[in-house]
Amino acid sequence: MAAETAEPGGPARSSFLDSIWMRFIALLIVVGGIALFVYANQDMLAQQLAGRSGGGAASSYQQCLDERMAAVERLAREAGYTVKQRELAEIRAQEFCRNQTGA
């Protein structure tokens, strides 16, 4: 039996929580929550989609490493890195790409 309040001699009256408007509000909240989740995690979702369609983590690792090594080369020329500084920058680039791609 539904939880309805009835006045003596009058029709049964349903609660606002049981109305169609409350269901509509609940639907808006659910849709808003899903949209907020997708917006907050769009980078992660895009990476997962790219990982499924591409060559996998090895390809993205190599792409990251190529970009970082090119940046290290450019900086080494412009800033006049010593051999030790250049090696350290290359190691940091490798670690950065491992952490970014999970390789």
PDB file of N, CA and C in Angstrom:
ATOM      1  N   MET A   1       0.839  -1.167   0.000  1.00  0.00           N
ATOM      2  CA  MET A   1       0.000   0.000   0.000  1.00  0.00           C
ATOM      3  C   MET A   1       0.886   1.233   0.000  1.00  0.00           C
ATOM      4  N   ALA A   2       0.587   2.181  -0.813  1.00  0.00           N
ATOM      5  CA  ALA A   2       1.392   3.397  -0.928  1.00  0.00           C
ATOM      6  C   ALA A   2       1.203   4.259   0.311  1.00  0.00           C
ATOM      7  N   ALA A   3       2.245   5.012   0.604  1.00  0.00           N
ATOM      8  CA  ALA A   3       2.185   5.912   1.757  1.00  0.00           C
ATOM      9  C   ALA A   3       1.447   7.186   1.330  1.00  0.00           C
ATOM     10  N   GLU A   4       0.159   7.170   1.471  1.00  0.00           N
ATOM     11  CA  GLU A   4      -0.653   8.311   1.081  1.00  0.00           C
ATOM     12  C   GLU A   4      -1.345   8.867   2.316  1.00  0.00           C
ATOM     13  N   THR A   5      -1.485  10.149   2.315  1.00  0.00           N
ATOM     14  CA  THR A   5      -2.214  10.766   3.425  1.00  0.00           C
ATOM     15  C   THR A   5      -3.595  11.144   2.929  1.00  0.00           C
ATOM     16  N   ALA A   6      -4.574  10.700   3.636  1.00  0.00           N
ATOM     17  CA  ALA A   6      -5.940  10.993   3.223  1.00  0.00           C
ATOM     18  C   ALA A   6      -6.637  11.785   4.317  1.00  0.00           C
ATOM     19  N   GLU A   7      -7.280  12.823   3.889  1.00  0.00           N
ATOM     20  CA  GLU A   7      -8.085  13.593   4.831  1.00  0.00           C
ATOM     21  C   GLU A   7      -9.455  12.936   4.893  1.00  0.00           C
ATOM     22  N   PRO A   8     -10.069  12.967   6.043  1.00  0.00           N
ATOM     23  CA  PRO A   8     -11.393  12.347   6.141  1.00  0.00           C
ATOM     24  C   PRO A   8     -12.387  13.000   5.176  1.00  0.00           C
ATOM     25  N   GLY A   9     -12.969  12.201   4.359  1.00  0.00           N
ATOM     26  CA  GLY A   9     -13.970  12.686   3.423  1.00  0.00           C
ATOM     27  C   GLY A   9     -13.384  13.307   2.169  1.00  0.00           C
ATOM     28  N   GLY A  10     -12.041  13.302   1.995  1.00  0.00           N
ATOM     29  CA  GLY A  10     -11.420  13.913   0.826  1.00  0.00           C
ATOM     30  C   GLY A  10     -10.599  12.906   0.041  1.00  0.00           C
ATOM     31  N   PRO A  11     -10.152  13.291  -1.151  1.00  0.00           N
ATOM     32  CA  PRO A  11      -9.359  12.362  -1.965  1.00  0.00           C
ATOM     33  C   PRO A  11      -7.952  12.179  -1.385  1.00  0.00           C
ATOM     34  N   ALA A  12      -7.356  11.050  -1.709  1.00  0.00           N
ATOM     35  CA  ALA A  12      -5.985  10.774  -1.265  1.00  0.00           C
ATOM     36  C   ALA A  12      -5.035  11.723  -1.973  1.00  0.00           C
ATOM     37  N   ARG A  13      -4.058  12.233  -1.241  1.00  0.00           N
ATOM     38  CA  ARG A  13      -3.117  13.205  -1.800  1.00  0.00           C
ATOM     39  C   ARG A  13      -1.715  12.603  -1.774  1.00  0.00           C
ATOM     40  N   SER A  14      -1.044  12.582  -2.912  1.00  0.00           N
ATOM     41  CA  SER A  14       0.301  12.012  -2.960  1.00  0.00           C
ATOM     42  C   SER A  14       1.332  13.084  -2.609  1.00  0.00           C
ATOM     43  N   SER A  15       2.484  12.626  -2.190  1.00  0.00           N
ATOM     44  CA  SER A  15       3.569  13.516  -1.785  1.00  0.00           C
ATOM     45  C   SER A  15       4.253  14.114  -3.016  1.00  0.00           C
ATOM     46  N   PHE A  16       4.891  15.270  -2.837  1.00  0.00           N
ATOM     47  CA  PHE A  16       5.660  15.882  -3.933  1.00  0.00           C
ATOM     48  C   PHE A  16       6.798  14.962  -4.361  1.00  0.00           C
ATOM     49  N   LEU A  17       7.330  14.186  -3.423  1.00  0.00           N
ATOM     50  CA  LEU A  17       8.430  13.277  -3.747  1.00  0.00           C
ATOM     51  C   LEU A  17       7.989  12.174  -4.700  1.00  0.00           C
ATOM     52  N   ASP A  18       6.701  11.905  -4.786  1.00  0.00           N
ATOM     53  CA  ASP A  18       6.180  10.886  -5.695  1.00  0.00           C
ATOM     54  C   ASP A  18       5.727  11.466  -7.029  1.00  0.00           C
ATOM     55  N   SER A  19       5.882  12.750  -7.219  1.00  0.00           N
ATOM     56  CA  SER A  19       5.364  13.394  -8.427  1.00  0.00           C
ATOM     57  C   SER A  19       6.313  13.220  -9.609  1.00  0.00           C
ATOM     58  N   ILE A  20       5.806  13.508 -10.787  1.00  0.00           N
ATOM     59  CA  ILE A  20       6.592  13.434 -12.019  1.00  0.00           C
ATOM     60  C   ILE A  20       7.689  14.491 -12.028  1.00  0.00           C
ATOM     61  N   TRP A  21       7.448  15.624 -11.384  1.00  0.00           N
ATOM     62  CA  TRP A  21       8.461  16.681 -11.340  1.00  0.00           C
ATOM     63  C   TRP A  21       9.683  16.220 -10.560  1.00  0.00           C
ATOM     64  N   MET A  22       9.490  15.485  -9.489  1.00  0.00           N
ATOM     65  CA  MET A  22      10.618  15.006  -8.704  1.00  0.00           C
ATOM     66  C   MET A  22      11.429  13.978  -9.496  1.00  0.00           C
ATOM     67  N   ARG A  23      10.751  13.174 -10.268  1.00  0.00           N
ATOM     68  CA  ARG A  23      11.467  12.202 -11.114  1.00  0.00           C
ATOM     69  C   ARG A  23      12.264  12.927 -12.202  1.00  0.00           C
ATOM     70  N   PHE A  24      11.693  13.992 -12.729  1.00  0.00           N
ATOM     71  CA  PHE A  24      12.398  14.786 -13.725  1.00  0.00           C
ATOM     72  C   PHE A  24      13.640  15.448 -13.119  1.00  0.00           C
ATOM     73  N   ILE A  25      13.507  15.968 -11.917  1.00  0.00           N
ATOM     74  CA  ILE A  25      14.647  16.585 -11.225  1.00  0.00           C
ATOM     75  C   ILE A  25      15.728  15.540 -10.955  1.00  0.00           C
ATOM     76  N   ALA A  26      15.325  14.341 -10.551  1.00  0.00           N
ATOM     77  CA  ALA A  26      16.291  13.266 -10.302  1.00  0.00           C
ATOM     78  C   ALA A  26      17.019  12.887 -11.595  1.00  0.00           C
ATOM     79  N   LEU A  27      16.295  12.845 -12.688  1.00  0.00           N
ATOM     80  CA  LEU A  27      16.916  12.541 -13.978  1.00  0.00           C
ATOM     81  C   LEU A  27      17.931  13.618 -14.357  1.00  0.00           C
ATOM     82  N   LEU A  28      17.590  14.873 -14.137  1.00  0.00           N
ATOM     83  CA  LEU A  28      18.537  15.964 -14.423  1.00  0.00           C
ATOM     84  C   LEU A  28      19.791  15.849 -13.570  1.00  0.00           C
ATOM     85  N   ILE A  29      19.639  15.469 -12.326  1.00  0.00           N
ATOM     86  CA  ILE A  29      20.796  15.310 -11.444  1.00  0.00           C
ATOM     87  C   ILE A  29      21.700  14.179 -11.940  1.00  0.00           C
ATOM     88  N   VAL A  30      21.104  13.071 -12.356  1.00  0.00           N
ATOM     89  CA  VAL A  30      21.898  11.946 -12.862  1.00  0.00           C
ATOM     90  C   VAL A  30      22.640  12.347 -14.139  1.00  0.00           C
ATOM     91  N   VAL A  31      21.950  12.985 -15.061  1.00  0.00           N
ATOM     92  CA  VAL A  31      22.587  13.417 -16.313  1.00  0.00           C
ATOM     93  C   VAL A  31      23.688  14.433 -16.021  1.00  0.00           C
ATOM     94  N   GLY A  32      23.440  15.350 -15.101  1.00  0.00           N
ATOM     95  CA  GLY A  32      24.465  16.325 -14.733  1.00  0.00           C
ATOM     96  C   GLY A  32      25.675  15.668 -14.092  1.00  0.00           C
ATOM     97  N   GLY A  33      25.453  14.658 -13.271  1.00  0.00           N
ATOM     98  CA  GLY A  33      26.570  13.937 -12.653  1.00  0.00           C
ATOM     99  C   GLY A  33      27.416  13.205 -13.672  1.00  0.00           C
ATOM    100  N   ILE A  34      26.768  12.574 -14.639  1.00  0.00           N
ATOM    101  CA  ILE A  34      27.510  11.880 -15.698  1.00  0.00           C
ATOM    102  C   ILE A  34      28.299  12.879 -16.530  1.00  0.00           C
ATOM    103  N   ALA A  35      27.689  14.001 -16.859  1.00  0.00           N
ATOM    104  CA  ALA A  35      28.390  15.031 -17.642  1.00  0.00           C
ATOM    105  C   ALA A  35      29.577  15.586 -16.872  1.00  0.00           C
ATOM    106  N   LEU A  36      29.419  15.797 -15.577  1.00  0.00           N
ATOM    107  CA  LEU A  36      30.526  16.288 -14.759  1.00  0.00           C
ATOM    108  C   LEU A  36      31.654  15.277 -14.692  1.00  0.00           C
ATOM    109  N   PHE A  37      31.323  13.993 -14.565  1.00  0.00           N
ATOM    110  CA  PHE A  37      32.341  12.945 -14.537  1.00  0.00           C
ATOM    111  C   PHE A  37      33.120  12.909 -15.850  1.00  0.00           C
ATOM    112  N   VAL A  38      32.418  12.965 -16.968  1.00  0.00           N
ATOM    113  CA  VAL A  38      33.085  12.926 -18.277  1.00  0.00           C
ATOM    114  C   VAL A  38      33.970  14.156 -18.457  1.00  0.00           C
ATOM    115  N   TYR A  39      33.479  15.334 -18.060  1.00  0.00           N
ATOM    116  CA  TYR A  39      34.274  16.556 -18.188  1.00  0.00           C
ATOM    117  C   TYR A  39      35.522  16.496 -17.310  1.00  0.00           C
ATOM    118  N   ALA A  40      35.398  15.992 -16.097  1.00  0.00           N
ATOM    119  CA  ALA A  40      36.534  15.948 -15.174  1.00  0.00           C
ATOM    120  C   ALA A  40      37.569  14.914 -15.592  1.00  0.00           C
ATOM    121  N   ASN A  41      37.153  13.893 -16.322  1.00  0.00           N
ATOM    122  CA  ASN A  41      38.069  12.813 -16.696  1.00  0.00           C
ATOM    123  C   ASN A  41      38.281  12.715 -18.196  1.00  0.00           C
ATOM    124  N   GLN A  42      38.103  13.805 -18.909  1.00  0.00           N
ATOM    125  CA  GLN A  42      38.193  13.747 -20.363  1.00  0.00           C
ATOM    126  C   GLN A  42      39.588  13.368 -20.857  1.00  0.00           C
ATOM    127  N   ASP A  43      40.643  13.779 -20.169  1.00  0.00           N
ATOM    128  CA  ASP A  43      41.991  13.415 -20.601  1.00  0.00           C
ATOM    129  C   ASP A  43      42.212  11.915 -20.482  1.00  0.00           C
ATOM    130  N   MET A  44      41.802  11.354 -19.349  1.00  0.00           N
ATOM    131  CA  MET A  44      41.971   9.921 -19.137  1.00  0.00           C
ATOM    132  C   MET A  44      41.145   9.127 -20.148  1.00  0.00           C
ATOM    133  N   LEU A  45      39.922   9.539 -20.400  1.00  0.00           N
ATOM    134  CA  LEU A  45      39.071   8.836 -21.345  1.00  0.00           C
ATOM    135  C   LEU A  45      39.635   8.921 -22.764  1.00  0.00           C
ATOM    136  N   ALA A  46      40.164  10.074 -23.129  1.00  0.00           N
ATOM    137  CA  ALA A  46      40.752  10.231 -24.467  1.00  0.00           C
ATOM    138  C   ALA A  46      41.987   9.354 -24.626  1.00  0.00           C
ATOM    139  N   GLN A  47      42.799   9.250 -23.584  1.00  0.00           N
ATOM    140  CA  GLN A  47      43.985   8.393 -23.650  1.00  0.00           C
ATOM    141  C   GLN A  47      43.592   6.934 -23.791  1.00  0.00           C
ATOM    142  N   GLN A  48      42.556   6.506 -23.082  1.00  0.00           N
ATOM    143  CA  GLN A  48      42.124   5.122 -23.194  1.00  0.00           C
ATOM    144  C   GLN A  48      41.584   4.824 -24.585  1.00  0.00           C
ATOM    145  N   LEU A  49      40.833   5.751 -25.143  1.00  0.00           N
ATOM    146  CA  LEU A  49      40.317   5.540 -26.493  1.00  0.00           C
ATOM    147  C   LEU A  49      41.446   5.519 -27.515  1.00  0.00           C
ATOM    148  N   ALA A  50      42.428   6.389 -27.350  1.00  0.00           N
ATOM    149  CA  ALA A  50      43.570   6.421 -28.272  1.00  0.00           C
ATOM    150  C   ALA A  50      44.407   5.155 -28.132  1.00  0.00           C
ATOM    151  N   GLY A  51      44.526   4.653 -26.921  1.00  0.00           N
ATOM    152  CA  GLY A  51      45.297   3.430 -26.693  1.00  0.00           C
ATOM    153  C   GLY A  51      44.654   2.225 -27.344  1.00  0.00           C
ATOM    154  N   ARG A  52      43.331   2.175 -27.399  1.00  0.00           N
ATOM    155  CA  ARG A  52      42.637   1.047 -28.016  1.00  0.00           C
ATOM    156  C   ARG A  52      42.743   1.083 -29.530  1.00  0.00           C
ATOM    157  N   SER A  53      42.726   2.271 -30.097  1.00  0.00           N
ATOM    158  CA  SER A  53      42.729   2.373 -31.553  1.00  0.00           C
ATOM    159  C   SER A  53      44.141   2.418 -32.135  1.00  0.00           C
ATOM    160  N   GLY A  54      45.101   2.849 -31.344  1.00  0.00           N
ATOM    161  CA  GLY A  54      46.464   2.994 -31.850  1.00  0.00           C
ATOM    162  C   GLY A  54      47.284   1.736 -31.662  1.00  0.00           C
ATOM    163  N   GLY A  55      48.600   1.909 -31.692  1.00  0.00           N
ATOM    164  CA  GLY A  55      49.513   0.792 -31.555  1.00  0.00           C
ATOM    165  C   GLY A  55      49.785   0.413 -30.119  1.00  0.00           C
ATOM    166  N   GLY A  56      49.113   0.990 -29.166  1.00  0.00           N
ATOM    167  CA  GLY A  56      49.286   0.620 -27.773  1.00  0.00           C
ATOM    168  C   GLY A  56      50.255   1.529 -27.062  1.00  0.00           C
ATOM    169  N   ALA A  57      50.674   1.076 -25.879  1.00  0.00           N
ATOM    170  CA  ALA A  57      51.536   1.889 -25.026  1.00  0.00           C
ATOM    171  C   ALA A  57      52.923   2.078 -25.620  1.00  0.00           C
ATOM    172  N   ALA A  58      53.424   1.075 -26.342  1.00  0.00           N
ATOM    173  CA  ALA A  58      54.765   1.182 -26.911  1.00  0.00           C
ATOM    174  C   ALA A  58      54.829   2.307 -27.939  1.00  0.00           C
ATOM    175  N   SER A  59      53.783   2.436 -28.748  1.00  0.00           N
ATOM    176  CA  SER A  59      53.751   3.489 -29.757  1.00  0.00           C
ATOM    177  C   SER A  59      53.670   4.871 -29.108  1.00  0.00           C
ATOM    178  N   SER A  60      52.813   5.015 -28.102  1.00  0.00           N
ATOM    179  CA  SER A  60      52.690   6.313 -27.451  1.00  0.00           C
ATOM    180  C   SER A  60      53.956   6.645 -26.651  1.00  0.00           C
ATOM    181  N   TYR A  61      54.596   5.622 -26.073  1.00  0.00           N
ATOM    182  CA  TYR A  61      55.866   5.845 -25.375  1.00  0.00           C
ATOM    183  C   TYR A  61      56.919   6.342 -26.352  1.00  0.00           C
ATOM    184  N   GLN A  62      57.001   5.709 -27.503  1.00  0.00           N
ATOM    185  CA  GLN A  62      58.007   6.105 -28.492  1.00  0.00           C
ATOM    186  C   GLN A  62      57.729   7.510 -29.018  1.00  0.00           C
ATOM    187  N   GLN A  63      56.479   7.830 -29.219  1.00  0.00           N
ATOM    188  CA  GLN A  63      56.117   9.173 -29.686  1.00  0.00           C
ATOM    189  C   GLN A  63      56.501  10.212 -28.635  1.00  0.00           C
ATOM    190  N   CYS A  64      56.195   9.932 -27.383  1.00  0.00           N
ATOM    191  CA  CYS A  64      56.554  10.839 -26.291  1.00  0.00           C
ATOM    192  C   CYS A  64      58.075  11.002 -26.216  1.00  0.00           C
ATOM    193  N   LEU A  65      58.764   9.882 -26.304  1.00  0.00           N
ATOM    194  CA  LEU A  65      60.224   9.916 -26.205  1.00  0.00           C
ATOM    195  C   LEU A  65      60.840  10.699 -27.363  1.00  0.00           C
ATOM    196  N   ASP A  66      60.315  10.527 -28.556  1.00  0.00           N
ATOM    197  CA  ASP A  66      60.825  11.284 -29.706  1.00  0.00           C
ATOM    198  C   ASP A  66      60.640  12.789 -29.499  1.00  0.00           C
ATOM    199  N   GLU A  67      59.457  13.178 -29.000  1.00  0.00           N
ATOM    200  CA  GLU A  67      59.199  14.600 -28.756  1.00  0.00           C
ATOM    201  C   GLU A  67      60.138  15.154 -27.688  1.00  0.00           C
ATOM    202  N   ARG A  68      60.305  14.404 -26.602  1.00  0.00           N
ATOM    203  CA  ARG A  68      61.146  14.877 -25.501  1.00  0.00           C
ATOM    204  C   ARG A  68      62.618  14.916 -25.897  1.00  0.00           C
ATOM    205  N   MET A  69      63.068  13.946 -26.645  1.00  0.00           N
ATOM    206  CA  MET A  69      64.478  13.940 -27.064  1.00  0.00           C
ATOM    207  C   MET A  69      64.764  15.090 -28.026  1.00  0.00           C
ATOM    208  N   ALA A  70      63.785  15.417 -28.862  1.00  0.00           N
ATOM    209  CA  ALA A  70      63.965  16.568 -29.756  1.00  0.00           C
ATOM    210  C   ALA A  70      64.062  17.847 -28.934  1.00  0.00           C
ATOM    211  N   ALA A  71      63.257  17.945 -27.882  1.00  0.00           N
ATOM    212  CA  ALA A  71      63.323  19.118 -27.013  1.00  0.00           C
ATOM    213  C   ALA A  71      64.655  19.171 -26.276  1.00  0.00           C
ATOM    214  N   VAL A  72      65.164  18.024 -25.842  1.00  0.00           N
ATOM    215  CA  VAL A  72      66.460  17.982 -25.155  1.00  0.00           C
ATOM    216  C   VAL A  72      67.569  18.411 -26.113  1.00  0.00           C
ATOM    217  N   GLU A  73      67.516  17.941 -27.346  1.00  0.00           N
ATOM    218  CA  GLU A  73      68.525  18.326 -28.349  1.00  0.00           C
ATOM    219  C   GLU A  73      68.517  19.840 -28.574  1.00  0.00           C
ATOM    220  N   ARG A  74      67.318  20.387 -28.713  1.00  0.00           N
ATOM    221  CA  ARG A  74      67.193  21.821 -28.952  1.00  0.00           C
ATOM    222  C   ARG A  74      67.738  22.615 -27.757  1.00  0.00           C
ATOM    223  N   LEU A  75      67.367  22.202 -26.552  1.00  0.00           N
ATOM    224  CA  LEU A  75      67.861  22.884 -25.362  1.00  0.00           C
ATOM    225  C   LEU A  75      69.372  22.744 -25.207  1.00  0.00           C
ATOM    226  N   ALA A  76      69.892  21.582 -25.548  1.00  0.00           N
ATOM    227  CA  ALA A  76      71.337  21.362 -25.437  1.00  0.00           C
ATOM    228  C   ALA A  76      72.093  22.312 -26.366  1.00  0.00           C
ATOM    229  N   ARG A  77      71.561  22.527 -27.556  1.00  0.00           N
ATOM    230  CA  ARG A  77      72.210  23.454 -28.493  1.00  0.00           C
ATOM    231  C   ARG A  77      72.079  24.892 -28.019  1.00  0.00           C
ATOM    232  N   GLU A  78      70.861  25.266 -27.613  1.00  0.00           N
ATOM    233  CA  GLU A  78      70.615  26.659 -27.249  1.00  0.00           C
ATOM    234  C   GLU A  78      71.272  27.049 -25.928  1.00  0.00           C
ATOM    235  N   ALA A  79      71.214  26.177 -24.946  1.00  0.00           N
ATOM    236  CA  ALA A  79      71.718  26.522 -23.614  1.00  0.00           C
ATOM    237  C   ALA A  79      73.152  26.058 -23.393  1.00  0.00           C
ATOM    238  N   GLY A  80      73.696  25.308 -24.328  1.00  0.00           N
ATOM    239  CA  GLY A  80      75.079  24.847 -24.185  1.00  0.00           C
ATOM    240  C   GLY A  80      75.255  23.850 -23.052  1.00  0.00           C
ATOM    241  N   TYR A  81      74.419  22.827 -23.027  1.00  0.00           N
ATOM    242  CA  TYR A  81      74.512  21.807 -21.981  1.00  0.00           C
ATOM    243  C   TYR A  81      75.857  21.095 -22.045  1.00  0.00           C
ATOM    244  N   THR A  82      76.337  20.720 -20.880  1.00  0.00           N
ATOM    245  CA  THR A  82      77.501  19.837 -20.826  1.00  0.00           C
ATOM    246  C   THR A  82      77.015  18.418 -21.099  1.00  0.00           C
ATOM    247  N   VAL A  83      77.940  17.507 -21.285  1.00  0.00           N
ATOM    248  CA  VAL A  83      77.582  16.117 -21.558  1.00  0.00           C
ATOM    249  C   VAL A  83      76.778  15.543 -20.392  1.00  0.00           C
ATOM    250  N   LYS A  84      77.204  15.852 -19.174  1.00  0.00           N
ATOM    251  CA  LYS A  84      76.516  15.348 -17.989  1.00  0.00           C
ATOM    252  C   LYS A  84      75.082  15.914 -17.899  1.00  0.00           C
ATOM    253  N   GLN A  85      74.910  17.197 -18.191  1.00  0.00           N
ATOM    254  CA  GLN A  85      73.579  17.803 -18.162  1.00  0.00           C
ATOM    255  C   GLN A  85      72.667  17.201 -19.230  1.00  0.00           C
ATOM    256  N   ARG A  86      73.248  16.933 -20.381  1.00  0.00           N
ATOM    257  CA  ARG A  86      72.465  16.349 -21.468  1.00  0.00           C
ATOM    258  C   ARG A  86      72.022  14.929 -21.118  1.00  0.00           C
ATOM    259  N   GLU A  87      72.920  14.146 -20.534  1.00  0.00           N
ATOM    260  CA  GLU A  87      72.557  12.783 -20.127  1.00  0.00           C
ATOM    261  C   GLU A  87      71.461  12.801 -19.069  1.00  0.00           C
ATOM    262  N   LEU A  88      71.558  13.716 -18.129  1.00  0.00           N
ATOM    263  CA  LEU A  88      70.548  13.840 -17.095  1.00  0.00           C
ATOM    264  C   LEU A  88      69.188  14.235 -17.694  1.00  0.00           C
ATOM    265  N   ALA A  89      69.205  15.143 -18.655  1.00  0.00           N
ATOM    266  CA  ALA A  89      67.969  15.553 -19.312  1.00  0.00           C
ATOM    267  C   ALA A  89      67.350  14.391 -20.091  1.00  0.00           C
ATOM    268  N   GLU A  90      68.175  13.564 -20.710  1.00  0.00           N
ATOM    269  CA  GLU A  90      67.667  12.402 -21.442  1.00  0.00           C
ATOM    270  C   GLU A  90      67.049  11.379 -20.498  1.00  0.00           C
ATOM    271  N   ILE A  91      67.690  11.165 -19.353  1.00  0.00           N
ATOM    272  CA  ILE A  91      67.148  10.230 -18.354  1.00  0.00           C
ATOM    273  C   ILE A  91      65.811  10.749 -17.831  1.00  0.00           C
ATOM    274  N   ARG A  92      65.751  12.047 -17.565  1.00  0.00           N
ATOM    275  CA  ARG A  92      64.494  12.632 -17.090  1.00  0.00           C
ATOM    276  C   ARG A  92      63.396  12.506 -18.147  1.00  0.00           C
ATOM    277  N   ALA A  93      63.745  12.681 -19.409  1.00  0.00           N
ATOM    278  CA  ALA A  93      62.765  12.544 -20.488  1.00  0.00           C
ATOM    279  C   ALA A  93      62.243  11.115 -20.573  1.00  0.00           C
ATOM    280  N   GLN A  94      63.137  10.141 -20.417  1.00  0.00           N
ATOM    281  CA  GLN A  94      62.717   8.739 -20.454  1.00  0.00           C
ATOM    282  C   GLN A  94      61.772   8.426 -19.291  1.00  0.00           C
ATOM    283  N   GLU A  95      62.119   8.886 -18.107  1.00  0.00           N
ATOM    284  CA  GLU A  95      61.264   8.654 -16.933  1.00  0.00           C
ATOM    285  C   GLU A  95      59.910   9.348 -17.085  1.00  0.00           C
ATOM    286  N   PHE A  96      59.930  10.558 -17.609  1.00  0.00           N
ATOM    287  CA  PHE A  96      58.679  11.291 -17.817  1.00  0.00           C
ATOM    288  C   PHE A  96      57.761  10.507 -18.758  1.00  0.00           C
ATOM    289  N   CYS A  97      58.310  10.008 -19.857  1.00  0.00           N
ATOM    290  CA  CYS A  97      57.495   9.285 -20.833  1.00  0.00           C
ATOM    291  C   CYS A  97      57.013   7.952 -20.263  1.00  0.00           C
ATOM    292  N   ARG A  98      57.831   7.281 -19.464  1.00  0.00           N
ATOM    293  CA  ARG A  98      57.378   6.039 -18.813  1.00  0.00           C
ATOM    294  C   ARG A  98      56.193   6.313 -17.900  1.00  0.00           C
ATOM    295  N   ASN A  99      56.283   7.388 -17.136  1.00  0.00           N
ATOM    296  CA  ASN A  99      55.198   7.723 -16.221  1.00  0.00           C
ATOM    297  C   ASN A  99      53.937   8.159 -16.958  1.00  0.00           C
ATOM    298  N   GLN A 100      54.102   8.864 -18.075  1.00  0.00           N
ATOM    299  CA  GLN A 100      52.944   9.337 -18.834  1.00  0.00           C
ATOM    300  C   GLN A 100      52.219   8.211 -19.547  1.00  0.00           C
ATOM    301  N   THR A 101      52.950   7.260 -20.075  1.00  0.00           N
ATOM    302  CA  THR A 101      52.339   6.210 -20.887  1.00  0.00           C
ATOM    303  C   THR A 101      52.134   4.900 -20.146  1.00  0.00           C
ATOM    304  N   GLY A 102      52.735   4.764 -18.994  1.00  0.00           N
ATOM    305  CA  GLY A 102      52.608   3.523 -18.238  1.00  0.00           C
ATOM    306  C   GLY A 102      53.441   2.396 -18.817  1.00  0.00           C
ATOM    307  N   ALA A 103      54.423   2.729 -19.632  1.00  0.00           N
ATOM    308  CA  ALA A 103      55.280   1.716 -20.250  1.00  0.00           C
ATOM    309  C   ALA A 103      56.365   1.282 -19.300  1.00  0.00           C
TER     310      ALA A 103
END
